[in-house]
């Protein structure tokens, strides 16, 4: 059961990293309509998305560290 929690923490970390990279504009679509909508979303919500994702990344990194330390002790 302990490993299942670690897997979920890693999945959440990956999602937060993806969200951060999206918020800074690293991902773009080939479809111009989707690209235009994504850019509008980034302009209106990019700041809060970056801060939130950085917070979740930091939290999950600490949680994963503590979880791995708990598993090996």
C-alpha atoms as a PDB file:
ATOM      1  CA  UNK A   1       0.000   0.000   0.000  1.00  0.00           C
ATOM      2  CA  UNK A   2       2.912   2.314   0.653  1.00  0.00           C
ATOM      3  CA  UNK A   3       4.110   1.965  -2.928  1.00  0.00           C
ATOM      4  CA  UNK A   4       0.688   2.905  -4.284  1.00  0.00           C
ATOM      5  CA  UNK A   5       0.842   6.239  -2.457  1.00  0.00           C
ATOM      6  CA  UNK A   6       4.301   6.861  -3.881  1.00  0.00           C
ATOM      7  CA  UNK A   7       3.027   6.183  -7.401  1.00  0.00           C
ATOM      8  CA  UNK A   8       0.198   8.707  -6.936  1.00  0.00           C
ATOM      9  CA  UNK A   9       2.639  11.292  -5.598  1.00  0.00           C
ATOM     10  CA  UNK A  10       4.859  10.827  -8.649  1.00  0.00           C
ATOM     11  CA  UNK A  11       1.836  11.152 -10.971  1.00  0.00           C
ATOM     12  CA  UNK A  12       0.820  14.396  -9.251  1.00  0.00           C
ATOM     13  CA  UNK A  13       4.415  15.674  -9.548  1.00  0.00           C
ATOM     14  CA  UNK A  14       4.453  14.908 -13.278  1.00  0.00           C
ATOM     15  CA  UNK A  15       1.120  16.703 -13.693  1.00  0.00           C
ATOM     16  CA  UNK A  16       2.424  19.752 -11.856  1.00  0.00           C
ATOM     17  CA  UNK A  17       5.579  19.852 -13.986  1.00  0.00           C
ATOM     18  CA  UNK A  18       3.420  19.610 -17.122  1.00  0.00           C
ATOM     19  CA  UNK A  19       1.199  22.426 -15.836  1.00  0.00           C
ATOM     20  CA  UNK A  20       4.215  24.616 -15.138  1.00  0.00           C
ATOM     21  CA  UNK A  21       5.709  23.975 -18.563  1.00  0.00           C
ATOM     22  CA  UNK A  22       2.341  24.773 -20.131  1.00  0.00           C
ATOM     23  CA  UNK A  23       2.086  28.002 -18.161  1.00  0.00           C
ATOM     24  CA  UNK A  24       5.445  29.256 -19.433  1.00  0.00           C
ATOM     25  CA  UNK A  25       4.598  28.324 -23.024  1.00  0.00           C
ATOM     26  CA  UNK A  26       6.838  25.321 -23.665  1.00  0.00           C
ATOM     27  CA  UNK A  27       4.021  23.356 -25.321  1.00  0.00           C
ATOM     28  CA  UNK A  28       2.285  24.470 -28.477  1.00  0.00           C
ATOM     29  CA  UNK A  29      -0.265  22.856 -30.727  1.00  0.00           C
ATOM     30  CA  UNK A  30      -0.105  22.565 -34.492  1.00  0.00           C
ATOM     31  CA  UNK A  31      -3.723  23.675 -34.744  1.00  0.00           C
ATOM     32  CA  UNK A  32      -3.824  27.514 -34.825  1.00  0.00           C
ATOM     33  CA  UNK A  33      -7.251  27.664 -33.138  1.00  0.00           C
ATOM     34  CA  UNK A  34      -6.097  25.599 -30.147  1.00  0.00           C
ATOM     35  CA  UNK A  35      -2.829  27.562 -29.982  1.00  0.00           C
ATOM     36  CA  UNK A  36      -4.777  30.835 -29.904  1.00  0.00           C
ATOM     37  CA  UNK A  37      -7.040  29.598 -27.079  1.00  0.00           C
ATOM     38  CA  UNK A  38      -4.070  28.291 -25.081  1.00  0.00           C
ATOM     39  CA  UNK A  39      -2.252  31.604 -25.442  1.00  0.00           C
ATOM     40  CA  UNK A  40      -5.319  33.515 -24.273  1.00  0.00           C
ATOM     41  CA  UNK A  41      -5.604  31.187 -21.270  1.00  0.00           C
ATOM     42  CA  UNK A  42      -1.921  31.688 -20.442  1.00  0.00           C
ATOM     43  CA  UNK A  43      -2.242  35.465 -20.632  1.00  0.00           C
ATOM     44  CA  UNK A  44      -5.193  35.552 -18.250  1.00  0.00           C
ATOM     45  CA  UNK A  45      -4.180  32.784 -15.831  1.00  0.00           C
ATOM     46  CA  UNK A  46      -0.466  32.171 -16.382  1.00  0.00           C
ATOM     47  CA  UNK A  47       0.769  33.881 -13.218  1.00  0.00           C
ATOM     48  CA  UNK A  48      -1.491  31.936 -10.852  1.00  0.00           C
ATOM     49  CA  UNK A  49      -0.913  28.694 -12.735  1.00  0.00           C
ATOM     50  CA  UNK A  50       2.872  29.107 -12.385  1.00  0.00           C
ATOM     51  CA  UNK A  51       2.694  29.865  -8.673  1.00  0.00           C
ATOM     52  CA  UNK A  52       0.285  26.996  -8.006  1.00  0.00           C
ATOM     53  CA  UNK A  53       2.318  24.498  -9.990  1.00  0.00           C
ATOM     54  CA  UNK A  54       5.561  25.536  -8.299  1.00  0.00           C
ATOM     55  CA  UNK A  55       3.879  25.097  -4.925  1.00  0.00           C
ATOM     56  CA  UNK A  56       2.628  21.616  -5.840  1.00  0.00           C
ATOM     57  CA  UNK A  57       6.053  20.657  -7.259  1.00  0.00           C
ATOM     58  CA  UNK A  58       7.773  21.690  -4.018  1.00  0.00           C
ATOM     59  CA  UNK A  59       5.191  19.907  -1.884  1.00  0.00           C
ATOM     60  CA  UNK A  60       5.336  16.690  -3.895  1.00  0.00           C
ATOM     61  CA  UNK A  61       9.142  16.703  -3.923  1.00  0.00           C
ATOM     62  CA  UNK A  62       9.153  16.832  -0.116  1.00  0.00           C
ATOM     63  CA  UNK A  63       6.423  14.193   0.110  1.00  0.00           C
ATOM     64  CA  UNK A  64       8.276  11.843  -2.254  1.00  0.00           C
ATOM     65  CA  UNK A  65      11.496  12.312  -0.296  1.00  0.00           C
ATOM     66  CA  UNK A  66       9.744  11.541   2.993  1.00  0.00           C
ATOM     67  CA  UNK A  67       7.917   8.591   1.462  1.00  0.00           C
ATOM     68  CA  UNK A  68      11.108   7.036   0.063  1.00  0.00           C
ATOM     69  CA  UNK A  69      12.895   7.639   3.370  1.00  0.00           C
ATOM     70  CA  UNK A  70      10.019   5.922   5.176  1.00  0.00           C
ATOM     71  CA  UNK A  71      10.085   2.935   2.819  1.00  0.00           C
ATOM     72  CA  UNK A  72      13.826   2.305   3.261  1.00  0.00           C
ATOM     73  CA  UNK A  73      13.871   2.761   7.054  1.00  0.00           C
END
